[in-house]
Amino acid sequence: MMPAKGLRSSVDVMTEYHVLTECGRNLAEYDFDIDSLCRRLEQRNYKPALIETMEEYEANLAAYAKCAFELDKMFHPENQEGKRTA
């Protein structure tokens, strides 16, 4: 017997999402899927500009931090005593 449409089974797992809205808010939201998440956001008058799973968000954040660290080393080299020159 199939569950009625719109009902969730006890085995459905919620996923944590990172949402960046058009108004600039950063939200951490749980939902079963992106469609459900979009409906809930719309009910709360938010328009998502970017939706990604928390795993994707953390991976992107780590990659950004690594790039920022490398750029900082390029533009702020240290002299022989270990002090920054700029």
Protein backbone atom coordinates (compact mmCIF):
# COMPACT_ATOMS: atom_id res chain seq x y z
CA MET A 1 0.00 0.00 0.00
CA MET A 2 1.44 3.36 -1.06
CA PRO A 3 1.21 6.34 1.30
CA ALA A 4 -1.16 9.11 0.25
CA LYS A 5 0.36 11.86 -1.84
CA GLY A 6 1.89 14.59 0.30
CA LEU A 7 2.42 12.35 3.33
CA ARG A 8 5.93 11.46 4.42
CA SER A 9 7.01 8.05 5.62
CA SER A 10 8.99 7.61 8.82
CA VAL A 11 12.12 6.82 6.78
CA ASP A 12 12.25 10.20 5.02
CA VAL A 13 15.26 12.14 6.24
CA MET A 14 15.43 15.90 6.51
CA THR A 15 18.40 17.67 4.96
CA GLU A 16 20.02 20.83 6.28
CA TYR A 17 20.29 23.58 3.68
CA HIS A 18 22.10 26.90 3.56
CA VAL A 19 19.94 29.56 1.92
CA LEU A 20 21.03 32.99 0.77
CA THR A 21 17.99 35.16 0.08
CA GLU A 22 17.64 38.04 -2.36
CA CYS A 23 17.36 40.41 0.62
CA GLY A 24 20.77 39.22 1.87
CA ARG A 25 19.77 36.90 4.71
CA ASN A 26 21.77 33.74 5.40
CA LEU A 27 19.48 31.00 6.66
CA ALA A 28 20.09 27.46 7.85
CA GLU A 29 16.91 25.47 7.18
CA TYR A 30 15.89 21.82 7.44
CA ASP A 31 13.49 20.23 4.98
CA PHE A 32 12.81 16.99 3.11
CA ASP A 33 13.64 18.38 -0.34
CA ILE A 34 14.34 21.62 -2.16
CA ASP A 35 10.75 21.95 -3.45
CA SER A 36 9.35 21.81 0.09
CA LEU A 37 12.00 24.28 1.22
CA CYS A 38 11.12 26.72 -1.57
CA ARG A 39 7.42 26.52 -0.68
CA ARG A 40 8.14 27.26 2.99
CA LEU A 41 10.44 30.15 2.09
CA GLU A 42 7.79 31.58 -0.23
CA GLN A 43 5.19 31.36 2.57
CA ARG A 44 7.56 33.43 4.71
CA ASN A 45 8.06 35.94 1.84
CA TYR A 46 11.71 35.02 1.19
CA LYS A 47 13.07 34.66 -2.34
CA PRO A 48 16.10 32.36 -2.42
CA ALA A 49 19.05 33.53 -4.47
CA LEU A 50 21.15 30.44 -3.61
CA ILE A 51 20.26 27.10 -2.04
CA GLU A 52 22.89 24.48 -1.24
CA THR A 53 23.19 21.63 1.22
CA MET A 54 25.19 22.37 4.33
CA GLU A 55 27.91 19.99 3.08
CA GLU A 56 28.20 21.97 -0.17
CA TYR A 57 28.21 25.24 1.76
CA GLU A 58 30.98 24.10 4.11
CA ALA A 59 33.08 22.79 1.20
CA ASN A 60 32.69 26.10 -0.66
CA LEU A 61 33.50 28.04 2.51
CA ALA A 62 36.67 25.99 3.08
CA ALA A 63 37.76 26.53 -0.53
CA TYR A 64 37.15 30.27 -0.19
CA ALA A 65 39.12 30.42 3.06
CA LYS A 66 42.05 28.61 1.42
CA CYS A 67 42.04 31.06 -1.52
CA ALA A 68 41.81 34.03 0.84
CA PHE A 69 44.77 32.69 2.86
CA GLU A 70 46.86 32.25 -0.31
CA LEU A 71 45.99 35.76 -1.52
CA ASP A 72 46.89 37.18 1.89
CA LYS A 73 50.30 35.51 1.69
CA MET A 74 50.84 36.93 -1.83
CA PHE A 75 49.97 40.51 -0.95
CA HIS A 76 51.40 40.60 2.59
CA PRO A 77 54.75 38.82 2.48
CA GLU A 78 56.66 38.42 5.71
CA ASN A 79 60.24 39.65 6.09
CA GLN A 80 63.09 37.59 7.60
CA GLU A 81 62.09 38.23 11.25
CA GLY A 82 58.61 36.90 10.62
CA LYS A 83 56.96 40.32 10.70
CA ARG A 84 54.79 41.61 7.95
CA THR A 85 56.23 44.29 5.74
CA ALA A 86 52.90 45.96 5.06
